[in-house]
Amino acid sequence: MTADAHWRSDLEAWLEPFLVGLSHPARRKMCPLYVAGLIGPGDRKSVQPMAARSGDVGYDQLHHFVSAGVWDSAPLEAALLKEADRLVGDANGFLVIDDTALPKTRRAAQPTVIIP
């Protein structure tokens, strides 16, 4: 398995509980492609270059997912709560997300996640 295929399969496995909350099959298909475009290789993270890099989806499809995506967020928020609880996993545990140590640049920075 190539490194690209490995991180993509890990991403799809991690996204699975969230995809269940997306009611429309096209949204369940587009979500992993969009997230992979955001966190994957490539400097430009707008829809057109992400679609071009992907090769799995056209610009119009990905743009529609991003721009016309009005859906009920409650199932996604419930999945997020469940996943955070699984990761922290303790009544006395804390999940701290701190991005203050990251340099501020034009490029999107990923926050530091600390899980005790």
PDB file of N, CA and C in Angstrom:
ATOM      1  N   MET A   1       0.855  -1.171   0.000  1.00  0.00           N
ATOM      2  CA  MET A   1       0.000   0.000   0.000  1.00  0.00           C
ATOM      3  C   MET A   1       0.904   1.238   0.000  1.00  0.00           C
ATOM      4  N   THR A   2       0.611   2.181  -0.881  1.00  0.00           N
ATOM      5  CA  THR A   2       1.420   3.394  -0.940  1.00  0.00           C
ATOM      6  C   THR A   2       1.109   4.284   0.258  1.00  0.00           C
ATOM      7  N   ALA A   3       2.013   5.226   0.515  1.00  0.00           N
ATOM      8  CA  ALA A   3       1.804   6.156   1.636  1.00  0.00           C
ATOM      9  C   ALA A   3       0.527   6.952   1.425  1.00  0.00           C
ATOM     10  N   ASP A   4       0.246   7.365   0.167  1.00  0.00           N
ATOM     11  CA  ASP A   4      -0.962   8.121  -0.134  1.00  0.00           C
ATOM     12  C   ASP A   4      -2.210   7.292   0.163  1.00  0.00           C
ATOM     13  N   ALA A   5      -2.201   6.037  -0.257  1.00  0.00           N
ATOM     14  CA  ALA A   5      -3.347   5.163  -0.015  1.00  0.00           C
ATOM     15  C   ALA A   5      -3.519   4.887   1.474  1.00  0.00           C
ATOM     16  N   HIS A   6      -2.388   4.796   2.196  1.00  0.00           N
ATOM     17  CA  HIS A   6      -2.449   4.511   3.633  1.00  0.00           C
ATOM     18  C   HIS A   6      -3.141   5.636   4.398  1.00  0.00           C
ATOM     19  N   TRP A   7      -2.737   6.896   4.178  1.00  0.00           N
ATOM     20  CA  TRP A   7      -3.364   7.978   4.934  1.00  0.00           C
ATOM     21  C   TRP A   7      -4.805   8.182   4.502  1.00  0.00           C
ATOM     22  N   ARG A   8      -5.088   7.933   3.239  1.00  0.00           N
ATOM     23  CA  ARG A   8      -6.478   8.068   2.780  1.00  0.00           C
ATOM     24  C   ARG A   8      -7.374   7.001   3.418  1.00  0.00           C
ATOM     25  N   SER A   9      -6.885   5.787   3.539  1.00  0.00           N
ATOM     26  CA  SER A   9      -7.705   4.745   4.178  1.00  0.00           C
ATOM     27  C   SER A   9      -7.880   5.045   5.660  1.00  0.00           C
ATOM     28  N   ASP A  10      -6.830   5.566   6.311  1.00  0.00           N
ATOM     29  CA  ASP A  10      -6.955   5.979   7.712  1.00  0.00           C
ATOM     30  C   ASP A  10      -7.986   7.096   7.854  1.00  0.00           C
ATOM     31  N   LEU A  11      -7.945   8.060   6.939  1.00  0.00           N
ATOM     32  CA  LEU A  11      -8.901   9.169   6.972  1.00  0.00           C
ATOM     33  C   LEU A  11     -10.326   8.659   6.802  1.00  0.00           C
ATOM     34  N   GLU A  12     -10.540   7.783   5.845  1.00  0.00           N
ATOM     35  CA  GLU A  12     -11.881   7.252   5.608  1.00  0.00           C
ATOM     36  C   GLU A  12     -12.388   6.468   6.820  1.00  0.00           C
ATOM     37  N   ALA A  13     -11.518   5.718   7.467  1.00  0.00           N
ATOM     38  CA  ALA A  13     -11.917   4.992   8.672  1.00  0.00           C
ATOM     39  C   ALA A  13     -12.278   5.964   9.787  1.00  0.00           C
ATOM     40  N   TRP A  14     -11.499   7.040   9.937  1.00  0.00           N
ATOM     41  CA  TRP A  14     -11.781   8.023  10.982  1.00  0.00           C
ATOM     42  C   TRP A  14     -13.075   8.784  10.693  1.00  0.00           C
ATOM     43  N   LEU A  15     -13.353   9.046   9.424  1.00  0.00           N
ATOM     44  CA  LEU A  15     -14.555   9.798   9.052  1.00  0.00           C
ATOM     45  C   LEU A  15     -15.836   8.966   9.116  1.00  0.00           C
ATOM     46  N   GLU A  16     -15.713   7.649   9.140  1.00  0.00           N
ATOM     47  CA  GLU A  16     -16.896   6.768   9.055  1.00  0.00           C
ATOM     48  C   GLU A  16     -18.033   7.151  10.002  1.00  0.00           C
ATOM     49  N   PRO A  17     -17.792   7.396  11.302  1.00  0.00           N
ATOM     50  CA  PRO A  17     -18.925   7.751  12.169  1.00  0.00           C
ATOM     51  C   PRO A  17     -19.590   9.064  11.769  1.00  0.00           C
ATOM     52  N   PHE A  18     -18.832   9.955  11.146  1.00  0.00           N
ATOM     53  CA  PHE A  18     -19.396  11.233  10.718  1.00  0.00           C
ATOM     54  C   PHE A  18     -20.197  11.071   9.433  1.00  0.00           C
ATOM     55  N   LEU A  19     -19.752  10.177   8.561  1.00  0.00           N
ATOM     56  CA  LEU A  19     -20.443   9.968   7.299  1.00  0.00           C
ATOM     57  C   LEU A  19     -21.836   9.399   7.506  1.00  0.00           C
ATOM     58  N   VAL A  20     -22.002   8.623   8.558  1.00  0.00           N
ATOM     59  CA  VAL A  20     -23.322   8.073   8.866  1.00  0.00           C
ATOM     60  C   VAL A  20     -24.323   9.201   9.092  1.00  0.00           C
ATOM     61  N   GLY A  21     -23.855  10.330   9.635  1.00  0.00           N
ATOM     62  CA  GLY A  21     -24.718  11.473   9.899  1.00  0.00           C
ATOM     63  C   GLY A  21     -25.078  12.286   8.679  1.00  0.00           C
ATOM     64  N   LEU A  22     -24.434  12.013   7.547  1.00  0.00           N
ATOM     65  CA  LEU A  22     -24.777  12.712   6.311  1.00  0.00           C
ATOM     66  C   LEU A  22     -25.840  11.917   5.579  1.00  0.00           C
ATOM     67  N   SER A  23     -27.015  12.480   5.466  1.00  0.00           N
ATOM     68  CA  SER A  23     -28.161  11.720   4.972  1.00  0.00           C
ATOM     69  C   SER A  23     -28.109  11.409   3.485  1.00  0.00           C
ATOM     70  N   HIS A  24     -27.488  12.222   2.701  1.00  0.00           N
ATOM     71  CA  HIS A  24     -27.506  12.039   1.252  1.00  0.00           C
ATOM     72  C   HIS A  24     -26.261  11.273   0.785  1.00  0.00           C
ATOM     73  N   PRO A  25     -26.425  10.265  -0.082  1.00  0.00           N
ATOM     74  CA  PRO A  25     -25.277   9.472  -0.545  1.00  0.00           C
ATOM     75  C   PRO A  25     -24.184  10.314  -1.220  1.00  0.00           C
ATOM     76  N   ALA A  26     -24.569  11.354  -1.953  1.00  0.00           N
ATOM     77  CA  ALA A  26     -23.571  12.203  -2.608  1.00  0.00           C
ATOM     78  C   ALA A  26     -22.732  12.944  -1.573  1.00  0.00           C
ATOM     79  N   ARG A  27     -23.337  13.358  -0.465  1.00  0.00           N
ATOM     80  CA  ARG A  27     -22.587  14.022   0.595  1.00  0.00           C
ATOM     81  C   ARG A  27     -21.605  13.060   1.250  1.00  0.00           C
ATOM     82  N   ARG A  28     -22.050  11.816   1.444  1.00  0.00           N
ATOM     83  CA  ARG A  28     -21.151  10.811   2.029  1.00  0.00           C
ATOM     84  C   ARG A  28     -19.968  10.529   1.103  1.00  0.00           C
ATOM     85  N   LYS A  29     -20.163  10.654  -0.201  1.00  0.00           N
ATOM     86  CA  LYS A  29     -19.079  10.444  -1.160  1.00  0.00           C
ATOM     87  C   LYS A  29     -18.143  11.653  -1.200  1.00  0.00           C
ATOM     88  N   MET A  30     -18.702  12.854  -1.180  1.00  0.00           N
ATOM     89  CA  MET A  30     -17.912  14.075  -1.329  1.00  0.00           C
ATOM     90  C   MET A  30     -17.120  14.436  -0.075  1.00  0.00           C
ATOM     91  N   CYS A  31     -17.647  14.149   1.084  1.00  0.00           N
ATOM     92  CA  CYS A  31     -17.011  14.564   2.331  1.00  0.00           C
ATOM     93  C   CYS A  31     -15.563  14.070   2.442  1.00  0.00           C
ATOM     94  N   PRO A  32     -15.281  12.777   2.262  1.00  0.00           N
ATOM     95  CA  PRO A  32     -13.881  12.333   2.365  1.00  0.00           C
ATOM     96  C   PRO A  32     -12.982  12.968   1.307  1.00  0.00           C
ATOM     97  N   LEU A  33     -13.515  13.190   0.118  1.00  0.00           N
ATOM     98  CA  LEU A  33     -12.722  13.821  -0.931  1.00  0.00           C
ATOM     99  C   LEU A  33     -12.386  15.260  -0.568  1.00  0.00           C
ATOM    100  N   TYR A  34     -13.348  15.967  -0.007  1.00  0.00           N
ATOM    101  CA  TYR A  34     -13.129  17.355   0.384  1.00  0.00           C
ATOM    102  C   TYR A  34     -12.126  17.448   1.543  1.00  0.00           C
ATOM    103  N   VAL A  35     -12.319  16.634   2.566  1.00  0.00           N
ATOM    104  CA  VAL A  35     -11.408  16.663   3.717  1.00  0.00           C
ATOM    105  C   VAL A  35     -10.000  16.255   3.281  1.00  0.00           C
ATOM    106  N   ALA A  36      -9.889  15.250   2.430  1.00  0.00           N
ATOM    107  CA  ALA A  36      -8.580  14.839   1.921  1.00  0.00           C
ATOM    108  C   ALA A  36      -7.925  15.981   1.147  1.00  0.00           C
ATOM    109  N   GLY A  37      -8.716  16.737   0.410  1.00  0.00           N
ATOM    110  CA  GLY A  37      -8.179  17.884  -0.316  1.00  0.00           C
ATOM    111  C   GLY A  37      -7.674  18.964   0.614  1.00  0.00           C
ATOM    112  N   LEU A  38      -8.350  19.144   1.749  1.00  0.00           N
ATOM    113  CA  LEU A  38      -7.934  20.164   2.708  1.00  0.00           C
ATOM    114  C   LEU A  38      -6.653  19.794   3.441  1.00  0.00           C
ATOM    115  N   ILE A  39      -6.516  18.531   3.810  1.00  0.00           N
ATOM    116  CA  ILE A  39      -5.352  18.138   4.617  1.00  0.00           C
ATOM    117  C   ILE A  39      -4.253  17.464   3.814  1.00  0.00           C
ATOM    118  N   GLY A  40      -4.528  17.142   2.567  1.00  0.00           N
ATOM    119  CA  GLY A  40      -3.548  16.449   1.746  1.00  0.00           C
ATOM    120  C   GLY A  40      -2.516  17.380   1.141  1.00  0.00           C
ATOM    121  N   PRO A  41      -1.680  16.834   0.271  1.00  0.00           N
ATOM    122  CA  PRO A  41      -0.625  17.635  -0.350  1.00  0.00           C
ATOM    123  C   PRO A  41      -1.200  18.710  -1.268  1.00  0.00           C
ATOM    124  N   GLY A  42      -0.400  19.712  -1.515  1.00  0.00           N
ATOM    125  CA  GLY A  42      -0.806  20.804  -2.388  1.00  0.00           C
ATOM    126  C   GLY A  42      -0.960  22.089  -1.608  1.00  0.00           C
ATOM    127  N   ASP A  43      -0.478  23.163  -2.181  1.00  0.00           N
ATOM    128  CA  ASP A  43      -0.533  24.449  -1.495  1.00  0.00           C
ATOM    129  C   ASP A  43      -1.892  25.120  -1.600  1.00  0.00           C
ATOM    130  N   ARG A  44      -2.522  25.027  -2.732  1.00  0.00           N
ATOM    131  CA  ARG A  44      -3.802  25.719  -2.917  1.00  0.00           C
ATOM    132  C   ARG A  44      -4.942  24.826  -2.435  1.00  0.00           C
ATOM    133  N   LYS A  45      -5.743  25.351  -1.494  1.00  0.00           N
ATOM    134  CA  LYS A  45      -6.800  24.553  -0.869  1.00  0.00           C
ATOM    135  C   LYS A  45      -8.192  25.028  -1.275  1.00  0.00           C
ATOM    136  N   SER A  46      -8.303  25.735  -2.388  1.00  0.00           N
ATOM    137  CA  SER A  46      -9.621  26.096  -2.889  1.00  0.00           C
ATOM    138  C   SER A  46     -10.172  24.909  -3.683  1.00  0.00           C
ATOM    139  N   VAL A  47     -11.450  24.959  -4.002  1.00  0.00           N
ATOM    140  CA  VAL A  47     -12.135  23.798  -4.573  1.00  0.00           C
ATOM    141  C   VAL A  47     -11.553  23.374  -5.918  1.00  0.00           C
ATOM    142  N   GLN A  48     -11.269  24.321  -6.786  1.00  0.00           N
ATOM    143  CA  GLN A  48     -10.802  23.954  -8.124  1.00  0.00           C
ATOM    144  C   GLN A  48      -9.484  23.181  -8.097  1.00  0.00           C
ATOM    145  N   PRO A  49      -8.442  23.650  -7.405  1.00  0.00           N
ATOM    146  CA  PRO A  49      -7.211  22.853  -7.373  1.00  0.00           C
ATOM    147  C   PRO A  49      -7.372  21.528  -6.628  1.00  0.00           C
ATOM    148  N   MET A  50      -8.216  21.509  -5.590  1.00  0.00           N
ATOM    149  CA  MET A  50      -8.429  20.245  -4.862  1.00  0.00           C
ATOM    150  C   MET A  50      -9.081  19.217  -5.780  1.00  0.00           C
ATOM    151  N   ALA A  51     -10.065  19.642  -6.563  1.00  0.00           N
ATOM    152  CA  ALA A  51     -10.730  18.719  -7.487  1.00  0.00           C
ATOM    153  C   ALA A  51      -9.758  18.232  -8.551  1.00  0.00           C
ATOM    154  N   ALA A  52      -8.921  19.135  -9.046  1.00  0.00           N
ATOM    155  CA  ALA A  52      -7.949  18.758 -10.068  1.00  0.00           C
ATOM    156  C   ALA A  52      -6.935  17.752  -9.522  1.00  0.00           C
ATOM    157  N   ARG A  53      -6.469  17.962  -8.283  1.00  0.00           N
ATOM    158  CA  ARG A  53      -5.506  17.025  -7.682  1.00  0.00           C
ATOM    159  C   ARG A  53      -6.152  15.673  -7.417  1.00  0.00           C
ATOM    160  N   SER A  54      -7.415  15.685  -7.026  1.00  0.00           N
ATOM    161  CA  SER A  54      -8.082  14.442  -6.652  1.00  0.00           C
ATOM    162  C   SER A  54      -8.200  13.492  -7.838  1.00  0.00           C
ATOM    163  N   GLY A  55      -8.713  13.989  -8.934  1.00  0.00           N
ATOM    164  CA  GLY A  55      -8.956  13.123 -10.080  1.00  0.00           C
ATOM    165  C   GLY A  55     -10.178  12.238  -9.900  1.00  0.00           C
ATOM    166  N   ASP A  56     -10.741  12.192  -8.674  1.00  0.00           N
ATOM    167  CA  ASP A  56     -11.902  11.351  -8.386  1.00  0.00           C
ATOM    168  C   ASP A  56     -13.216  12.112  -8.466  1.00  0.00           C
ATOM    169  N   VAL A  57     -13.131  13.428  -8.574  1.00  0.00           N
ATOM    170  CA  VAL A  57     -14.336  14.242  -8.516  1.00  0.00           C
ATOM    171  C   VAL A  57     -14.137  15.471  -9.391  1.00  0.00           C
ATOM    172  N   GLY A  58     -15.225  15.909 -10.009  1.00  0.00           N
ATOM    173  CA  GLY A  58     -15.164  17.113 -10.826  1.00  0.00           C
ATOM    174  C   GLY A  58     -15.338  18.364  -9.975  1.00  0.00           C
ATOM    175  N   TYR A  59     -14.888  19.477 -10.531  1.00  0.00           N
ATOM    176  CA  TYR A  59     -14.996  20.757  -9.832  1.00  0.00           C
ATOM    177  C   TYR A  59     -16.436  21.053  -9.447  1.00  0.00           C
ATOM    178  N   ASP A  60     -17.375  20.871 -10.386  1.00  0.00           N
ATOM    179  CA  ASP A  60     -18.780  21.201 -10.114  1.00  0.00           C
ATOM    180  C   ASP A  60     -19.345  20.384  -8.956  1.00  0.00           C
ATOM    181  N   GLN A  61     -19.003  19.112  -8.902  1.00  0.00           N
ATOM    182  CA  GLN A  61     -19.493  18.256  -7.814  1.00  0.00           C
ATOM    183  C   GLN A  61     -18.965  18.721  -6.466  1.00  0.00           C
ATOM    184  N   LEU A  62     -17.667  18.983  -6.404  1.00  0.00           N
ATOM    185  CA  LEU A  62     -17.065  19.401  -5.145  1.00  0.00           C
ATOM    186  C   LEU A  62     -17.551  20.788  -4.747  1.00  0.00           C
ATOM    187  N   HIS A  63     -17.698  21.676  -5.710  1.00  0.00           N
ATOM    188  CA  HIS A  63     -18.202  23.015  -5.425  1.00  0.00           C
ATOM    189  C   HIS A  63     -19.629  22.943  -4.889  1.00  0.00           C
ATOM    190  N   HIS A  64     -20.447  22.091  -5.463  1.00  0.00           N
ATOM    191  CA  HIS A  64     -21.829  21.930  -4.988  1.00  0.00           C
ATOM    192  C   HIS A  64     -21.842  21.424  -3.544  1.00  0.00           C
ATOM    193  N   PHE A  65     -20.970  20.473  -3.234  1.00  0.00           N
ATOM    194  CA  PHE A  65     -20.890  19.957  -1.861  1.00  0.00           C
ATOM    195  C   PHE A  65     -20.574  21.080  -0.881  1.00  0.00           C
ATOM    196  N   VAL A  66     -19.639  21.950  -1.250  1.00  0.00           N
ATOM    197  CA  VAL A  66     -19.211  23.020  -0.358  1.00  0.00           C
ATOM    198  C   VAL A  66     -20.242  24.145  -0.299  1.00  0.00           C
ATOM    199  N   SER A  67     -20.773  24.552  -1.438  1.00  0.00           N
ATOM    200  CA  SER A  67     -21.610  25.752  -1.470  1.00  0.00           C
ATOM    201  C   SER A  67     -23.083  25.495  -1.195  1.00  0.00           C
ATOM    202  N   ALA A  68     -23.592  24.331  -1.534  1.00  0.00           N
ATOM    203  CA  ALA A  68     -25.024  24.064  -1.369  1.00  0.00           C
ATOM    204  C   ALA A  68     -25.292  23.105  -0.222  1.00  0.00           C
ATOM    205  N   GLY A  69     -24.299  22.916   0.615  1.00  0.00           N
ATOM    206  CA  GLY A  69     -24.424  21.933   1.688  1.00  0.00           C
ATOM    207  C   GLY A  69     -25.162  22.467   2.898  1.00  0.00           C
ATOM    208  N   VAL A  70     -26.484  22.455   2.852  1.00  0.00           N
ATOM    209  CA  VAL A  70     -27.281  22.810   4.020  1.00  0.00           C
ATOM    210  C   VAL A  70     -27.856  21.501   4.552  1.00  0.00           C
ATOM    211  N   TRP A  71     -27.391  21.125   5.728  1.00  0.00           N
ATOM    212  CA  TRP A  71     -27.877  19.884   6.317  1.00  0.00           C
ATOM    213  C   TRP A  71     -27.974  20.041   7.815  1.00  0.00           C
ATOM    214  N   ASP A  72     -28.632  19.096   8.415  1.00  0.00           N
ATOM    215  CA  ASP A  72     -28.798  19.090   9.859  1.00  0.00           C
ATOM    216  C   ASP A  72     -27.456  18.735  10.502  1.00  0.00           C
ATOM    217  N   SER A  73     -26.931  19.642  11.314  1.00  0.00           N
ATOM    218  CA  SER A  73     -25.625  19.402  11.926  1.00  0.00           C
ATOM    219  C   SER A  73     -25.704  18.526  13.172  1.00  0.00           C
ATOM    220  N   ALA A  74     -26.900  18.295  13.703  1.00  0.00           N
ATOM    221  CA  ALA A  74     -27.045  17.534  14.954  1.00  0.00           C
ATOM    222  C   ALA A  74     -26.413  16.135  14.880  1.00  0.00           C
ATOM    223  N   PRO A  75     -26.625  15.348  13.813  1.00  0.00           N
ATOM    224  CA  PRO A  75     -25.976  14.021  13.768  1.00  0.00           C
ATOM    225  C   PRO A  75     -24.448  14.104  13.734  1.00  0.00           C
ATOM    226  N   LEU A  76     -23.914  15.121  13.063  1.00  0.00           N
ATOM    227  CA  LEU A  76     -22.460  15.289  13.009  1.00  0.00           C
ATOM    228  C   LEU A  76     -21.915  15.721  14.360  1.00  0.00           C
ATOM    229  N   GLU A  77     -22.631  16.607  15.037  1.00  0.00           N
ATOM    230  CA  GLU A  77     -22.208  17.040  16.369  1.00  0.00           C
ATOM    231  C   GLU A  77     -22.270  15.886  17.362  1.00  0.00           C
ATOM    232  N   ALA A  78     -23.291  15.037  17.238  1.00  0.00           N
ATOM    233  CA  ALA A  78     -23.396  13.862  18.116  1.00  0.00           C
ATOM    234  C   ALA A  78     -22.232  12.904  17.874  1.00  0.00           C
ATOM    235  N   ALA A  79     -21.862  12.717  16.605  1.00  0.00           N
ATOM    236  CA  ALA A  79     -20.723  11.851  16.285  1.00  0.00           C
ATOM    237  C   ALA A  79     -19.424  12.451  16.825  1.00  0.00           C
ATOM    238  N   LEU A  80     -19.289  13.770  16.742  1.00  0.00           N
ATOM    239  CA  LEU A  80     -18.105  14.447  17.261  1.00  0.00           C
ATOM    240  C   LEU A  80     -18.003  14.295  18.774  1.00  0.00           C
ATOM    241  N   LEU A  81     -19.109  14.456  19.471  1.00  0.00           N
ATOM    242  CA  LEU A  81     -19.121  14.273  20.927  1.00  0.00           C
ATOM    243  C   LEU A  81     -18.719  12.847  21.306  1.00  0.00           C
ATOM    244  N   LYS A  82     -19.274  11.888  20.585  1.00  0.00           N
ATOM    245  CA  LYS A  82     -18.968  10.484  20.877  1.00  0.00           C
ATOM    246  C   LYS A  82     -17.489  10.185  20.625  1.00  0.00           C
ATOM    247  N   GLU A  83     -16.948  10.729  19.525  1.00  0.00           N
ATOM    248  CA  GLU A  83     -15.535  10.498  19.205  1.00  0.00           C
ATOM    249  C   GLU A  83     -14.628  11.187  20.213  1.00  0.00           C
ATOM    250  N   ALA A  84     -14.961  12.409  20.610  1.00  0.00           N
ATOM    251  CA  ALA A  84     -14.159  13.112  21.621  1.00  0.00           C
ATOM    252  C   ALA A  84     -14.189  12.361  22.945  1.00  0.00           C
ATOM    253  N   ASP A  85     -15.359  11.850  23.311  1.00  0.00           N
ATOM    254  CA  ASP A  85     -15.472  11.080  24.549  1.00  0.00           C
ATOM    255  C   ASP A  85     -14.639   9.806  24.476  1.00  0.00           C
ATOM    256  N   ARG A  86     -14.623   9.171  23.307  1.00  0.00           N
ATOM    257  CA  ARG A  86     -13.824   7.957  23.128  1.00  0.00           C
ATOM    258  C   ARG A  86     -12.334   8.276  23.262  1.00  0.00           C
ATOM    259  N   LEU A  87     -11.908   9.405  22.690  1.00  0.00           N
ATOM    260  CA  LEU A  87     -10.490   9.775  22.731  1.00  0.00           C
ATOM    261  C   LEU A  87     -10.042  10.182  24.130  1.00  0.00           C
ATOM    262  N   VAL A  88     -10.848  11.001  24.797  1.00  0.00           N
ATOM    263  CA  VAL A  88     -10.494  11.457  26.137  1.00  0.00           C
ATOM    264  C   VAL A  88     -10.769  10.341  27.125  1.00  0.00           C
ATOM    265  N   GLY A  89     -11.960   9.775  27.054  1.00  0.00           N
ATOM    266  CA  GLY A  89     -12.284   8.550  27.745  1.00  0.00           C
ATOM    267  C   GLY A  89     -12.238   8.522  29.252  1.00  0.00           C
ATOM    268  N   ASP A  90     -12.358   9.641  29.912  1.00  0.00           N
ATOM    269  CA  ASP A  90     -12.301   9.647  31.359  1.00  0.00           C
ATOM    270  C   ASP A  90     -13.149  10.802  31.868  1.00  0.00           C
ATOM    271  N   ALA A  91     -13.916  10.548  32.927  1.00  0.00           N
ATOM    272  CA  ALA A  91     -14.763  11.605  33.493  1.00  0.00           C
ATOM    273  C   ALA A  91     -13.933  12.787  33.977  1.00  0.00           C
ATOM    274  N   ASN A  92     -12.686  12.541  34.334  1.00  0.00           N
ATOM    275  CA  ASN A  92     -11.802  13.609  34.805  1.00  0.00           C
ATOM    276  C   ASN A  92     -10.832  14.081  33.723  1.00  0.00           C
ATOM    277  N   GLY A  93     -10.998  13.598  32.501  1.00  0.00           N
ATOM    278  CA  GLY A  93     -10.086  13.956  31.418  1.00  0.00           C
ATOM    279  C   GLY A  93     -10.443  15.287  30.780  1.00  0.00           C
ATOM    280  N   PHE A  94      -9.467  15.862  30.088  1.00  0.00           N
ATOM    281  CA  PHE A  94      -9.640  17.133  29.392  1.00  0.00           C
ATOM    282  C   PHE A  94      -9.100  17.002  27.978  1.00  0.00           C
ATOM    283  N   LEU A  95      -9.746  17.653  27.057  1.00  0.00           N
ATOM    284  CA  LEU A  95      -9.254  17.760  25.695  1.00  0.00           C
ATOM    285  C   LEU A  95      -8.899  19.224  25.485  1.00  0.00           C
ATOM    286  N   VAL A  96      -7.626  19.490  25.230  1.00  0.00           N
ATOM    287  CA  VAL A  96      -7.147  20.865  25.076  1.00  0.00           C
ATOM    288  C   VAL A  96      -6.640  21.033  23.654  1.00  0.00           C
ATOM    289  N   ILE A  97      -7.151  22.016  22.970  1.00  0.00           N
ATOM    290  CA  ILE A  97      -6.690  22.341  21.623  1.00  0.00           C
ATOM    291  C   ILE A  97      -6.077  23.730  21.694  1.00  0.00           C
ATOM    292  N   ASP A  98      -4.778  23.808  21.392  1.00  0.00           N
ATOM    293  CA  ASP A  98      -4.051  25.062  21.543  1.00  0.00           C
ATOM    294  C   ASP A  98      -3.238  25.329  20.292  1.00  0.00           C
ATOM    295  N   ASP A  99      -3.584  26.388  19.592  1.00  0.00           N
ATOM    296  CA  ASP A  99      -2.835  26.722  18.383  1.00  0.00           C
ATOM    297  C   ASP A  99      -1.953  27.958  18.565  1.00  0.00           C
ATOM    298  N   THR A 100      -1.779  28.416  19.790  1.00  0.00           N
ATOM    299  CA  THR A 100      -1.022  29.647  20.017  1.00  0.00           C
ATOM    300  C   THR A 100       0.470  29.495  19.744  1.00  0.00           C
ATOM    301  N   ALA A 101       0.992  28.286  19.751  1.00  0.00           N
ATOM    302  CA  ALA A 101       2.424  28.085  19.519  1.00  0.00           C
ATOM    303  C   ALA A 101       2.752  27.986  18.034  1.00  0.00           C
ATOM    304  N   LEU A 102       1.751  27.977  17.188  1.00  0.00           N
ATOM    305  CA  LEU A 102       1.997  27.823  15.766  1.00  0.00           C
ATOM    306  C   LEU A 102       2.316  29.167  15.120  1.00  0.00           C
ATOM    307  N   PRO A 103       3.243  29.172  14.191  1.00  0.00           N
ATOM    308  CA  PRO A 103       3.539  30.427  13.494  1.00  0.00           C
ATOM    309  C   PRO A 103       2.353  30.843  12.630  1.00  0.00           C
ATOM    310  N   LYS A 104       2.091  32.112  12.582  1.00  0.00           N
ATOM    311  CA  LYS A 104       0.989  32.627  11.770  1.00  0.00           C
ATOM    312  C   LYS A 104       1.513  32.897  10.367  1.00  0.00           C
ATOM    313  N   THR A 105       0.975  32.169   9.409  1.00  0.00           N
ATOM    314  CA  THR A 105       1.356  32.338   8.014  1.00  0.00           C
ATOM    315  C   THR A 105       0.098  32.359   7.177  1.00  0.00           C
ATOM    316  N   ARG A 106       0.272  32.538   5.905  1.00  0.00           N
ATOM    317  CA  ARG A 106      -0.875  32.488   4.994  1.00  0.00           C
ATOM    318  C   ARG A 106      -1.397  31.067   4.856  1.00  0.00           C
ATOM    319  N   ARG A 107      -0.559  30.102   5.121  1.00  0.00           N
ATOM    320  CA  ARG A 107      -0.973  28.708   4.996  1.00  0.00           C
ATOM    321  C   ARG A 107      -1.756  28.311   6.237  1.00  0.00           C
ATOM    322  N   ALA A 108      -2.736  27.481   6.037  1.00  0.00           N
ATOM    323  CA  ALA A 108      -3.539  27.012   7.164  1.00  0.00           C
ATOM    324  C   ALA A 108      -2.681  26.142   8.074  1.00  0.00           C
ATOM    325  N   ALA A 109      -2.732  26.433   9.350  1.00  0.00           N
ATOM    326  CA  ALA A 109      -1.974  25.656  10.334  1.00  0.00           C
ATOM    327  C   ALA A 109      -2.914  24.693  11.042  1.00  0.00           C
ATOM    328  N   GLN A 110      -2.379  23.565  11.453  1.00  0.00           N
ATOM    329  CA  GLN A 110      -3.174  22.600  12.190  1.00  0.00           C
ATOM    330  C   GLN A 110      -2.948  22.819  13.668  1.00  0.00           C
ATOM    331  N   PRO A 111      -4.032  22.827  14.466  1.00  0.00           N
ATOM    332  CA  PRO A 111      -3.867  23.045  15.910  1.00  0.00           C
ATOM    333  C   PRO A 111      -3.194  21.849  16.579  1.00  0.00           C
ATOM    334  N   THR A 112      -2.583  22.117  17.699  1.00  0.00           N
ATOM    335  CA  THR A 112      -1.991  21.067  18.505  1.00  0.00           C
ATOM    336  C   THR A 112      -3.087  20.477  19.381  1.00  0.00           C
ATOM    337  N   VAL A 113      -3.224  19.179  19.380  1.00  0.00           N
ATOM    338  CA  VAL A 113      -4.233  18.522  20.197  1.00  0.00           C
ATOM    339  C   VAL A 113      -3.525  17.743  21.289  1.00  0.00           C
ATOM    340  N   ILE A 114      -3.903  18.000  22.525  1.00  0.00           N
ATOM    341  CA  ILE A 114      -3.304  17.322  23.672  1.00  0.00           C
ATOM    342  C   ILE A 114      -4.371  16.468  24.322  1.00  0.00           C
ATOM    343  N   ILE A 115      -4.115  15.174  24.393  1.00  0.00           N
ATOM    344  CA  ILE A 115      -5.064  14.250  25.015  1.00  0.00           C
ATOM    345  C   ILE A 115      -4.348  13.572  26.172  1.00  0.00           C
ATOM    346  N   PRO A 116      -4.771  13.868  27.422  1.00  0.00           N
ATOM    347  CA  PRO A 116      -4.082  13.262  28.571  1.00  0.00           C
ATOM    348  C   PRO A 116      -4.346  11.770  28.659  1.00  0.00           C
TER     349      PRO A 116
END
